[in-house]
């Protein structure tokens, strides 16, 4: 699977690169196409679930493994809700900063 392309605030060049390798990030599992957006690459998607800058990233299921719990859940939560409309989005994050408001080492 291709390496992570960007962490936050993708440029149009970043989005073009992600779009170019998206097929390599998509794997058939149990009859569904499961696509992986690594960590901050979830920021390729706007809060409404569309892909930024008019790019296309087609998916049946998105899995978003992240290195940290990430912040701004008021934005990320809405984005994940919109991306999961009619399908499934799996977001898994490590709590490697010992946040007091998060009671588990992994957030799913």
PDB file of N, CA and C in Angstrom:
ATOM      1  N   UNK A   1       0.857  -1.169   0.000  1.00  0.00           N
ATOM      2  CA  UNK A   1       0.000   0.000   0.000  1.00  0.00           C
ATOM      3  C   UNK A   1       0.903   1.231   0.000  1.00  0.00           C
ATOM      4  N   UNK A   2       0.590   2.226  -0.803  1.00  0.00           N
ATOM      5  CA  UNK A   2       1.411   3.442  -0.853  1.00  0.00           C
ATOM      6  C   UNK A   2       1.469   4.166   0.489  1.00  0.00           C
ATOM      7  N   UNK A   3       2.579   4.838   0.737  1.00  0.00           N
ATOM      8  CA  UNK A   3       2.793   5.596   1.966  1.00  0.00           C
ATOM      9  C   UNK A   3       1.867   6.796   2.053  1.00  0.00           C
ATOM     10  N   UNK A   4       1.750   7.327   3.265  1.00  0.00           N
ATOM     11  CA  UNK A   4       0.955   8.524   3.507  1.00  0.00           C
ATOM     12  C   UNK A   4       1.517   9.677   2.689  1.00  0.00           C
ATOM     13  N   UNK A   5       0.631  10.451   2.058  1.00  0.00           N
ATOM     14  CA  UNK A   5       1.050  11.556   1.188  1.00  0.00           C
ATOM     15  C   UNK A   5       1.103  12.878   1.939  1.00  0.00           C
ATOM     16  N   UNK A   6       0.121  13.141   2.792  1.00  0.00           N
ATOM     17  CA  UNK A   6       0.099  14.399   3.539  1.00  0.00           C
ATOM     18  C   UNK A   6      -0.525  14.155   4.901  1.00  0.00           C
ATOM     19  N   UNK A   7      -0.308  15.103   5.810  1.00  0.00           N
ATOM     20  CA  UNK A   7      -0.820  14.976   7.172  1.00  0.00           C
ATOM     21  C   UNK A   7      -1.996  15.916   7.436  1.00  0.00           C
ATOM     22  N   UNK A   8      -1.921  17.146   6.951  1.00  0.00           N
ATOM     23  CA  UNK A   8      -2.991  18.133   7.146  1.00  0.00           C
ATOM     24  C   UNK A   8      -2.990  19.100   5.969  1.00  0.00           C
ATOM     25  N   UNK A   9      -4.062  19.832   5.823  1.00  0.00           N
ATOM     26  CA  UNK A   9      -4.174  20.904   4.829  1.00  0.00           C
ATOM     27  C   UNK A   9      -3.620  20.519   3.466  1.00  0.00           C
ATOM     28  N   UNK A  10      -4.252  19.566   2.785  1.00  0.00           N
ATOM     29  CA  UNK A  10      -3.725  19.126   1.489  1.00  0.00           C
ATOM     30  C   UNK A  10      -3.789  20.214   0.429  1.00  0.00           C
ATOM     31  N   UNK A  11      -2.724  20.294  -0.355  1.00  0.00           N
ATOM     32  CA  UNK A  11      -2.700  21.187  -1.518  1.00  0.00           C
ATOM     33  C   UNK A  11      -3.388  20.464  -2.667  1.00  0.00           C
ATOM     34  N   UNK A  12      -3.649  21.171  -3.741  1.00  0.00           N
ATOM     35  CA  UNK A  12      -4.243  20.510  -4.902  1.00  0.00           C
ATOM     36  C   UNK A  12      -3.293  19.448  -5.455  1.00  0.00           C
ATOM     37  N   UNK A  13      -1.994  19.679  -5.354  1.00  0.00           N
ATOM     38  CA  UNK A  13      -1.009  18.680  -5.779  1.00  0.00           C
ATOM     39  C   UNK A  13      -1.130  17.425  -4.903  1.00  0.00           C
ATOM     40  N   UNK A  14      -1.275  17.608  -3.594  1.00  0.00           N
ATOM     41  CA  UNK A  14      -1.459  16.479  -2.678  1.00  0.00           C
ATOM     42  C   UNK A  14      -2.708  15.687  -3.051  1.00  0.00           C
ATOM     43  N   UNK A  15      -3.800  16.406  -3.326  1.00  0.00           N
ATOM     44  CA  UNK A  15      -5.057  15.746  -3.679  1.00  0.00           C
ATOM     45  C   UNK A  15      -4.925  14.987  -4.995  1.00  0.00           C
ATOM     46  N   UNK A  16      -4.193  15.557  -5.950  1.00  0.00           N
ATOM     47  CA  UNK A  16      -3.944  14.857  -7.216  1.00  0.00           C
ATOM     48  C   UNK A  16      -3.158  13.572  -6.980  1.00  0.00           C
ATOM     49  N   UNK A  17      -2.153  13.642  -6.096  1.00  0.00           N
ATOM     50  CA  UNK A  17      -1.355  12.451  -5.785  1.00  0.00           C
ATOM     51  C   UNK A  17      -2.219  11.388  -5.120  1.00  0.00           C
ATOM     52  N   UNK A  18      -3.055  11.788  -4.162  1.00  0.00           N
ATOM     53  CA  UNK A  18      -3.911  10.833  -3.481  1.00  0.00           C
ATOM     54  C   UNK A  18      -4.898  10.201  -4.458  1.00  0.00           C
ATOM     55  N   UNK A  19      -5.480  11.019  -5.302  1.00  0.00           N
ATOM     56  CA  UNK A  19      -6.408  10.505  -6.303  1.00  0.00           C
ATOM     57  C   UNK A  19      -5.699   9.512  -7.222  1.00  0.00           C
ATOM     58  N   UNK A  20      -4.441   9.787  -7.546  1.00  0.00           N
ATOM     59  CA  UNK A  20      -3.665   8.919  -8.429  1.00  0.00           C
ATOM     60  C   UNK A  20      -3.338   7.559  -7.839  1.00  0.00           C
ATOM     61  N   UNK A  21      -3.229   7.473  -6.503  1.00  0.00           N
ATOM     62  CA  UNK A  21      -2.877   6.194  -5.876  1.00  0.00           C
ATOM     63  C   UNK A  21      -4.068   5.549  -5.166  1.00  0.00           C
ATOM     64  N   UNK A  22      -5.240   6.184  -5.224  1.00  0.00           N
ATOM     65  CA  UNK A  22      -6.415   5.703  -4.501  1.00  0.00           C
ATOM     66  C   UNK A  22      -6.743   4.245  -4.849  1.00  0.00           C
ATOM     67  N   UNK A  23      -6.588   3.862  -6.103  1.00  0.00           N
ATOM     68  CA  UNK A  23      -6.867   2.473  -6.501  1.00  0.00           C
ATOM     69  C   UNK A  23      -5.940   1.503  -5.773  1.00  0.00           C
ATOM     70  N   UNK A  24      -4.697   1.912  -5.513  1.00  0.00           N
ATOM     71  CA  UNK A  24      -3.760   1.061  -4.779  1.00  0.00           C
ATOM     72  C   UNK A  24      -4.079   1.027  -3.283  1.00  0.00           C
ATOM     73  N   UNK A  25      -4.846   1.997  -2.815  1.00  0.00           N
ATOM     74  CA  UNK A  25      -5.280   2.052  -1.418  1.00  0.00           C
ATOM     75  C   UNK A  25      -6.619   1.351  -1.225  1.00  0.00           C
ATOM     76  N   UNK A  26      -7.177   0.811  -2.289  1.00  0.00           N
ATOM     77  CA  UNK A  26      -8.491   0.179  -2.252  1.00  0.00           C
ATOM     78  C   UNK A  26      -8.332  -1.322  -2.473  1.00  0.00           C
ATOM     79  N   UNK A  27      -8.921  -2.094  -1.560  1.00  0.00           N
ATOM     80  CA  UNK A  27      -8.777  -3.547  -1.595  1.00  0.00           C
ATOM     81  C   UNK A  27     -10.148  -4.194  -1.453  1.00  0.00           C
ATOM     82  N   UNK A  28     -10.362  -5.268  -2.188  1.00  0.00           N
ATOM     83  CA  UNK A  28     -11.620  -5.994  -2.116  1.00  0.00           C
ATOM     84  C   UNK A  28     -11.590  -6.887  -0.873  1.00  0.00           C
ATOM     85  N   UNK A  29     -12.537  -6.655   0.029  1.00  0.00           N
ATOM     86  CA  UNK A  29     -12.639  -7.434   1.262  1.00  0.00           C
ATOM     87  C   UNK A  29     -14.114  -7.796   1.453  1.00  0.00           C
ATOM     88  N   UNK A  30     -14.402  -9.071   1.436  1.00  0.00           N
ATOM     89  CA  UNK A  30     -15.778  -9.512   1.650  1.00  0.00           C
ATOM     90  C   UNK A  30     -16.780  -8.920   0.685  1.00  0.00           C
ATOM     91  N   UNK A  31     -16.398  -8.754  -0.564  1.00  0.00           N
ATOM     92  CA  UNK A  31     -17.308  -8.220  -1.570  1.00  0.00           C
ATOM     93  C   UNK A  31     -17.449  -6.705  -1.563  1.00  0.00           C
ATOM     94  N   UNK A  32     -16.744  -6.023  -0.683  1.00  0.00           N
ATOM     95  CA  UNK A  32     -16.788  -4.557  -0.628  1.00  0.00           C
ATOM     96  C   UNK A  32     -15.429  -3.992  -0.993  1.00  0.00           C
ATOM     97  N   UNK A  33     -15.417  -2.795  -1.553  1.00  0.00           N
ATOM     98  CA  UNK A  33     -14.170  -2.091  -1.825  1.00  0.00           C
ATOM     99  C   UNK A  33     -13.834  -1.239  -0.607  1.00  0.00           C
ATOM    100  N   UNK A  34     -12.746  -1.602   0.078  1.00  0.00           N
ATOM    101  CA  UNK A  34     -12.333  -0.915   1.295  1.00  0.00           C
ATOM    102  C   UNK A  34     -11.127  -0.042   0.963  1.00  0.00           C
ATOM    103  N   UNK A  35     -11.268   1.257   1.163  1.00  0.00           N
ATOM    104  CA  UNK A  35     -10.217   2.221   0.841  1.00  0.00           C
ATOM    105  C   UNK A  35      -9.620   2.780   2.127  1.00  0.00           C
ATOM    106  N   UNK A  36      -8.309   2.985   2.121  1.00  0.00           N
ATOM    107  CA  UNK A  36      -7.594   3.454   3.301  1.00  0.00           C
ATOM    108  C   UNK A  36      -7.103   4.878   3.106  1.00  0.00           C
ATOM    109  N   UNK A  37      -7.550   5.778   3.989  1.00  0.00           N
ATOM    110  CA  UNK A  37      -7.065   7.158   4.057  1.00  0.00           C
ATOM    111  C   UNK A  37      -6.208   7.219   5.316  1.00  0.00           C
ATOM    112  N   UNK A  38      -4.906   7.308   5.154  1.00  0.00           N
ATOM    113  CA  UNK A  38      -3.994   7.195   6.283  1.00  0.00           C
ATOM    114  C   UNK A  38      -3.906   8.519   7.036  1.00  0.00           C
ATOM    115  N   UNK A  39      -4.232   8.456   8.301  1.00  0.00           N
ATOM    116  CA  UNK A  39      -4.147   9.564   9.248  1.00  0.00           C
ATOM    117  C   UNK A  39      -4.772  10.841   8.686  1.00  0.00           C
ATOM    118  N   UNK A  40      -3.994  11.895   8.528  1.00  0.00           N
ATOM    119  CA  UNK A  40      -4.506  13.197   8.110  1.00  0.00           C
ATOM    120  C   UNK A  40      -5.030  13.254   6.690  1.00  0.00           C
ATOM    121  N   UNK A  41      -4.862  12.184   5.931  1.00  0.00           N
ATOM    122  CA  UNK A  41      -5.408  12.176   4.571  1.00  0.00           C
ATOM    123  C   UNK A  41      -6.931  12.251   4.566  1.00  0.00           C
ATOM    124  N   UNK A  42      -7.563  12.000   5.720  1.00  0.00           N
ATOM    125  CA  UNK A  42      -9.004  12.171   5.811  1.00  0.00           C
ATOM    126  C   UNK A  42      -9.366  13.632   5.521  1.00  0.00           C
ATOM    127  N   UNK A  43      -8.385  14.532   5.639  1.00  0.00           N
ATOM    128  CA  UNK A  43      -8.606  15.946   5.342  1.00  0.00           C
ATOM    129  C   UNK A  43      -8.724  16.221   3.844  1.00  0.00           C
ATOM    130  N   UNK A  44      -8.623  15.185   3.023  1.00  0.00           N
ATOM    131  CA  UNK A  44      -8.928  15.346   1.598  1.00  0.00           C
ATOM    132  C   UNK A  44     -10.421  15.567   1.412  1.00  0.00           C
ATOM    133  N   UNK A  45     -11.189  15.164   2.431  1.00  0.00           N
ATOM    134  CA  UNK A  45     -12.641  15.290   2.386  1.00  0.00           C
ATOM    135  C   UNK A  45     -13.081  16.520   3.166  1.00  0.00           C
ATOM    136  N   UNK A  46     -14.048  17.230   2.627  1.00  0.00           N
ATOM    137  CA  UNK A  46     -14.641  18.386   3.307  1.00  0.00           C
ATOM    138  C   UNK A  46     -15.629  17.881   4.362  1.00  0.00           C
ATOM    139  N   UNK A  47     -16.081  18.767   5.235  1.00  0.00           N
ATOM    140  CA  UNK A  47     -17.033  18.386   6.291  1.00  0.00           C
ATOM    141  C   UNK A  47     -18.318  17.801   5.717  1.00  0.00           C
ATOM    142  N   UNK A  48     -18.706  18.225   4.513  1.00  0.00           N
ATOM    143  CA  UNK A  48     -19.943  17.707   3.919  1.00  0.00           C
ATOM    144  C   UNK A  48     -19.749  16.338   3.267  1.00  0.00           C
ATOM    145  N   UNK A  49     -18.527  15.799   3.295  1.00  0.00           N
ATOM    146  CA  UNK A  49     -18.241  14.481   2.731  1.00  0.00           C
ATOM    147  C   UNK A  49     -17.730  14.501   1.306  1.00  0.00           C
ATOM    148  N   UNK A  50     -17.761  15.659   0.671  1.00  0.00           N
ATOM    149  CA  UNK A  50     -17.225  15.754  -0.696  1.00  0.00           C
ATOM    150  C   UNK A  50     -15.701  15.810  -0.641  1.00  0.00           C
ATOM    151  N   UNK A  51     -15.079  15.530  -1.780  1.00  0.00           N
ATOM    152  CA  UNK A  51     -13.621  15.625  -1.862  1.00  0.00           C
ATOM    153  C   UNK A  51     -13.278  17.066  -2.218  1.00  0.00           C
ATOM    154  N   UNK A  52     -12.292  17.616  -1.550  1.00  0.00           N
ATOM    155  CA  UNK A  52     -11.894  19.006  -1.779  1.00  0.00           C
ATOM    156  C   UNK A  52     -11.384  19.209  -3.197  1.00  0.00           C
ATOM    157  N   UNK A  53     -11.500  20.428  -3.669  1.00  0.00           N
ATOM    158  CA  UNK A  53     -11.007  20.874  -4.987  1.00  0.00           C
ATOM    159  C   UNK A  53     -11.572  20.059  -6.144  1.00  0.00           C
ATOM    160  N   UNK A  54     -12.770  19.508  -5.969  1.00  0.00           N
ATOM    161  CA  UNK A  54     -13.445  18.817  -7.058  1.00  0.00           C
ATOM    162  C   UNK A  54     -12.831  17.481  -7.451  1.00  0.00           C
ATOM    163  N   UNK A  55     -11.966  16.932  -6.607  1.00  0.00           N
ATOM    164  CA  UNK A  55     -11.357  15.635  -6.915  1.00  0.00           C
ATOM    165  C   UNK A  55     -12.354  14.526  -6.625  1.00  0.00           C
ATOM    166  N   UNK A  56     -12.069  13.319  -7.105  1.00  0.00           N
ATOM    167  CA  UNK A  56     -12.930  12.160  -6.901  1.00  0.00           C
ATOM    168  C   UNK A  56     -12.168  11.055  -6.191  1.00  0.00           C
ATOM    169  N   UNK A  57     -12.705  10.571  -5.098  1.00  0.00           N
ATOM    170  CA  UNK A  57     -12.157   9.418  -4.383  1.00  0.00           C
ATOM    171  C   UNK A  57     -13.343   8.497  -4.087  1.00  0.00           C
ATOM    172  N   UNK A  58     -13.539   7.508  -4.942  1.00  0.00           N
ATOM    173  CA  UNK A  58     -14.691   6.620  -4.793  1.00  0.00           C
ATOM    174  C   UNK A  58     -14.372   5.525  -3.789  1.00  0.00           C
ATOM    175  N   UNK A  59     -15.388   5.145  -3.012  1.00  0.00           N
ATOM    176  CA  UNK A  59     -15.196   4.139  -1.975  1.00  0.00           C
ATOM    177  C   UNK A  59     -16.526   3.482  -1.634  1.00  0.00           C
ATOM    178  N   UNK A  60     -16.442   2.254  -1.151  1.00  0.00           N
ATOM    179  CA  UNK A  60     -17.577   1.596  -0.512  1.00  0.00           C
ATOM    180  C   UNK A  60     -17.451   1.773   0.999  1.00  0.00           C
ATOM    181  N   UNK A  61     -16.235   1.531   1.497  1.00  0.00           N
ATOM    182  CA  UNK A  61     -15.923   1.642   2.919  1.00  0.00           C
ATOM    183  C   UNK A  61     -14.607   2.404   3.033  1.00  0.00           C
ATOM    184  N   UNK A  62     -14.515   3.310   3.992  1.00  0.00           N
ATOM    185  CA  UNK A  62     -13.246   4.000   4.263  1.00  0.00           C
ATOM    186  C   UNK A  62     -12.750   3.557   5.628  1.00  0.00           C
ATOM    187  N   UNK A  63     -11.461   3.216   5.692  1.00  0.00           N
ATOM    188  CA  UNK A  63     -10.790   2.958   6.958  1.00  0.00           C
ATOM    189  C   UNK A  63      -9.754   4.065   7.127  1.00  0.00           C
ATOM    190  N   UNK A  64      -9.793   4.717   8.293  1.00  0.00           N
ATOM    191  CA  UNK A  64      -8.902   5.845   8.571  1.00  0.00           C
ATOM    192  C   UNK A  64      -8.094   5.578   9.837  1.00  0.00           C
ATOM    193  N   UNK A  65      -6.970   4.827   9.683  1.00  0.00           N
ATOM    194  CA  UNK A  65      -6.104   4.630  10.846  1.00  0.00           C
ATOM    195  C   UNK A  65      -5.293   5.899  11.082  1.00  0.00           C
ATOM    196  N   UNK A  66      -5.234   6.342  12.343  1.00  0.00           N
ATOM    197  CA  UNK A  66      -4.498   7.567  12.641  1.00  0.00           C
ATOM    198  C   UNK A  66      -3.491   7.331  13.758  1.00  0.00           C
ATOM    199  N   UNK A  67      -2.495   8.205  13.811  1.00  0.00           N
ATOM    200  CA  UNK A  67      -1.414   8.078  14.780  1.00  0.00           C
ATOM    201  C   UNK A  67      -1.743   8.709  16.119  1.00  0.00           C
ATOM    202  N   UNK A  68      -2.682   9.654  16.123  1.00  0.00           N
ATOM    203  CA  UNK A  68      -3.070  10.348  17.350  1.00  0.00           C
ATOM    204  C   UNK A  68      -4.596  10.448  17.378  1.00  0.00           C
ATOM    205  N   UNK A  69      -5.138  10.917  18.482  1.00  0.00           N
ATOM    206  CA  UNK A  69      -6.595  11.054  18.592  1.00  0.00           C
ATOM    207  C   UNK A  69      -7.142  12.171  17.710  1.00  0.00           C
ATOM    208  N   UNK A  70      -6.277  13.008  17.208  1.00  0.00           N
ATOM    209  CA  UNK A  70      -6.670  14.155  16.371  1.00  0.00           C
ATOM    210  C   UNK A  70      -7.530  15.113  17.182  1.00  0.00           C
ATOM    211  N   UNK A  71      -7.601  16.319  16.726  1.00  0.00           N
ATOM    212  CA  UNK A  71      -8.382  17.330  17.422  1.00  0.00           C
ATOM    213  C   UNK A  71      -9.570  17.761  16.603  1.00  0.00           C
ATOM    214  N   UNK A  72     -10.213  18.803  17.050  1.00  0.00           N
ATOM    215  CA  UNK A  72     -11.325  19.422  16.332  1.00  0.00           C
ATOM    216  C   UNK A  72     -12.421  18.415  15.987  1.00  0.00           C
ATOM    217  N   UNK A  73     -12.895  17.680  16.995  1.00  0.00           N
ATOM    218  CA  UNK A  73     -13.932  16.685  16.757  1.00  0.00           C
ATOM    219  C   UNK A  73     -15.234  17.320  16.294  1.00  0.00           C
ATOM    220  N   UNK A  74     -15.413  18.621  16.542  1.00  0.00           N
ATOM    221  CA  UNK A  74     -16.610  19.274  16.010  1.00  0.00           C
ATOM    222  C   UNK A  74     -16.587  19.262  14.478  1.00  0.00           C
ATOM    223  N   UNK A  75     -15.411  19.246  13.868  1.00  0.00           N
ATOM    224  CA  UNK A  75     -15.288  19.148  12.411  1.00  0.00           C
ATOM    225  C   UNK A  75     -15.162  17.700  11.965  1.00  0.00           C
ATOM    226  N   UNK A  76     -14.270  16.948  12.612  1.00  0.00           N
ATOM    227  CA  UNK A  76     -14.011  15.569  12.206  1.00  0.00           C
ATOM    228  C   UNK A  76     -15.243  14.692  12.400  1.00  0.00           C
ATOM    229  N   UNK A  77     -15.951  14.874  13.502  1.00  0.00           N
ATOM    230  CA  UNK A  77     -17.157  14.087  13.750  1.00  0.00           C
ATOM    231  C   UNK A  77     -18.200  14.288  12.662  1.00  0.00           C
ATOM    232  N   UNK A  78     -18.419  15.527  12.271  1.00  0.00           N
ATOM    233  CA  UNK A  78     -19.384  15.823  11.204  1.00  0.00           C
ATOM    234  C   UNK A  78     -18.923  15.229   9.884  1.00  0.00           C
ATOM    235  N   UNK A  79     -17.636  15.347   9.594  1.00  0.00           N
ATOM    236  CA  UNK A  79     -17.078  14.783   8.354  1.00  0.00           C
ATOM    237  C   UNK A  79     -17.293  13.277   8.312  1.00  0.00           C
ATOM    238  N   UNK A  80     -16.980  12.578   9.418  1.00  0.00           N
ATOM    239  CA  UNK A  80     -17.136  11.127   9.459  1.00  0.00           C
ATOM    240  C   UNK A  80     -18.602  10.725   9.332  1.00  0.00           C
ATOM    241  N   UNK A  81     -19.506  11.482   9.951  1.00  0.00           N
ATOM    242  CA  UNK A  81     -20.947  11.204   9.800  1.00  0.00           C
ATOM    243  C   UNK A  81     -21.362  11.321   8.348  1.00  0.00           C
ATOM    244  N   UNK A  82     -20.925  12.381   7.670  1.00  0.00           N
ATOM    245  CA  UNK A  82     -21.314  12.588   6.272  1.00  0.00           C
ATOM    246  C   UNK A  82     -20.675  11.549   5.351  1.00  0.00           C
ATOM    247  N   UNK A  83     -19.419  11.191   5.606  1.00  0.00           N
ATOM    248  CA  UNK A  83     -18.762  10.170   4.788  1.00  0.00           C
ATOM    249  C   UNK A  83     -19.409   8.807   4.952  1.00  0.00           C
ATOM    250  N   UNK A  84     -19.990   8.535   6.111  1.00  0.00           N
ATOM    251  CA  UNK A  84     -20.555   7.217   6.374  1.00  0.00           C
ATOM    252  C   UNK A  84     -22.017   7.096   5.953  1.00  0.00           C
ATOM    253  N   UNK A  85     -22.607   8.147   5.411  1.00  0.00           N
ATOM    254  CA  UNK A  85     -24.007   8.083   4.979  1.00  0.00           C
ATOM    255  C   UNK A  85     -24.159   7.008   3.901  1.00  0.00           C
ATOM    256  N   UNK A  86     -24.906   5.965   4.211  1.00  0.00           N
ATOM    257  CA  UNK A  86     -25.156   4.890   3.256  1.00  0.00           C
ATOM    258  C   UNK A  86     -24.040   3.864   3.168  1.00  0.00           C
ATOM    259  N   UNK A  87     -23.018   3.992   3.991  1.00  0.00           N
ATOM    260  CA  UNK A  87     -21.901   3.055   3.972  1.00  0.00           C
ATOM    261  C   UNK A  87     -21.270   3.010   5.362  1.00  0.00           C
ATOM    262  N   UNK A  88     -19.989   2.720   5.423  1.00  0.00           N
ATOM    263  CA  UNK A  88     -19.291   2.613   6.700  1.00  0.00           C
ATOM    264  C   UNK A  88     -17.970   3.359   6.619  1.00  0.00           C
ATOM    265  N   UNK A  89     -17.641   4.062   7.700  1.00  0.00           N
ATOM    266  CA  UNK A  89     -16.316   4.661   7.863  1.00  0.00           C
ATOM    267  C   UNK A  89     -15.777   4.179   9.197  1.00  0.00           C
ATOM    268  N   UNK A  90     -14.560   3.650   9.186  1.00  0.00           N
ATOM    269  CA  UNK A  90     -13.921   3.185  10.407  1.00  0.00           C
ATOM    270  C   UNK A  90     -12.761   4.132  10.696  1.00  0.00           C
ATOM    271  N   UNK A  91     -12.819   4.799  11.844  1.00  0.00           N
ATOM    272  CA  UNK A  91     -11.762   5.715  12.270  1.00  0.00           C
ATOM    273  C   UNK A  91     -11.177   5.158  13.557  1.00  0.00           C
ATOM    274  N   UNK A  92      -9.892   4.864  13.544  1.00  0.00           N
ATOM    275  CA  UNK A  92      -9.223   4.297  14.711  1.00  0.00           C
ATOM    276  C   UNK A  92      -8.015   5.165  15.024  1.00  0.00           C
ATOM    277  N   UNK A  93      -7.894   5.596  16.299  1.00  0.00           N
ATOM    278  CA  UNK A  93      -6.813   6.507  16.672  1.00  0.00           C
ATOM    279  C   UNK A  93      -6.143   6.063  17.962  1.00  0.00           C
ATOM    280  N   UNK A  94      -4.845   6.263  18.029  1.00  0.00           N
ATOM    281  CA  UNK A  94      -4.085   6.007  19.249  1.00  0.00           C
ATOM    282  C   UNK A  94      -4.098   7.247  20.130  1.00  0.00           C
ATOM    283  N   UNK A  95      -4.206   7.043  21.431  1.00  0.00           N
ATOM    284  CA  UNK A  95      -4.104   8.142  22.387  1.00  0.00           C
ATOM    285  C   UNK A  95      -2.676   8.149  22.929  1.00  0.00           C
ATOM    286  N   UNK A  96      -1.761   8.700  22.162  1.00  0.00           N
ATOM    287  CA  UNK A  96      -0.369   8.699  22.601  1.00  0.00           C
ATOM    288  C   UNK A  96       0.021   9.993  23.325  1.00  0.00           C
ATOM    289  N   UNK A  97      -0.947  10.829  23.637  1.00  0.00           N
ATOM    290  CA  UNK A  97      -0.676  12.069  24.363  1.00  0.00           C
ATOM    291  C   UNK A  97      -1.293  12.083  25.751  1.00  0.00           C
ATOM    292  N   UNK A  98      -1.925  10.972  26.161  1.00  0.00           N
ATOM    293  CA  UNK A  98      -2.537  10.853  27.470  1.00  0.00           C
ATOM    294  C   UNK A  98      -3.528  11.983  27.751  1.00  0.00           C
ATOM    295  N   UNK A  99      -4.427  12.231  26.805  1.00  0.00           N
ATOM    296  CA  UNK A  99      -5.459  13.239  26.998  1.00  0.00           C
ATOM    297  C   UNK A  99      -6.366  12.832  28.153  1.00  0.00           C
ATOM    298  N   UNK A 100      -6.659  13.759  29.034  1.00  0.00           N
ATOM    299  CA  UNK A 100      -7.479  13.453  30.192  1.00  0.00           C
ATOM    300  C   UNK A 100      -8.933  13.229  29.832  1.00  0.00           C
ATOM    301  N   UNK A 101      -9.400  13.822  28.746  1.00  0.00           N
ATOM    302  CA  UNK A 101     -10.798  13.669  28.341  1.00  0.00           C
ATOM    303  C   UNK A 101     -11.073  12.379  27.583  1.00  0.00           C
ATOM    304  N   UNK A 102     -10.023  11.667  27.184  1.00  0.00           N
ATOM    305  CA  UNK A 102     -10.191  10.405  26.464  1.00  0.00           C
ATOM    306  C   UNK A 102      -9.844   9.289  27.433  1.00  0.00           C
ATOM    307  N   UNK A 103     -10.778   8.364  27.632  1.00  0.00           N
ATOM    308  CA  UNK A 103     -10.582   7.357  28.676  1.00  0.00           C
ATOM    309  C   UNK A 103     -10.038   6.035  28.151  1.00  0.00           C
ATOM    310  N   UNK A 104      -9.588   5.988  26.939  1.00  0.00           N
ATOM    311  CA  UNK A 104      -9.057   4.756  26.377  1.00  0.00           C
ATOM    312  C   UNK A 104      -7.803   5.073  25.591  1.00  0.00           C
ATOM    313  N   UNK A 105      -6.966   4.096  25.372  1.00  0.00           N
ATOM    314  CA  UNK A 105      -5.755   4.298  24.580  1.00  0.00           C
ATOM    315  C   UNK A 105      -6.054   4.280  23.093  1.00  0.00           C
ATOM    316  N   UNK A 106      -7.205   3.752  22.727  1.00  0.00           N
ATOM    317  CA  UNK A 106      -7.606   3.701  21.319  1.00  0.00           C
ATOM    318  C   UNK A 106      -9.004   4.278  21.216  1.00  0.00           C
ATOM    319  N   UNK A 107      -9.220   5.118  20.226  1.00  0.00           N
ATOM    320  CA  UNK A 107     -10.568   5.666  19.977  1.00  0.00           C
ATOM    321  C   UNK A 107     -11.060   5.089  18.663  1.00  0.00           C
ATOM    322  N   UNK A 108     -12.234   4.497  18.695  1.00  0.00           N
ATOM    323  CA  UNK A 108     -12.818   3.918  17.479  1.00  0.00           C
ATOM    324  C   UNK A 108     -14.171   4.549  17.257  1.00  0.00           C
TER     325      UNK A 108
END
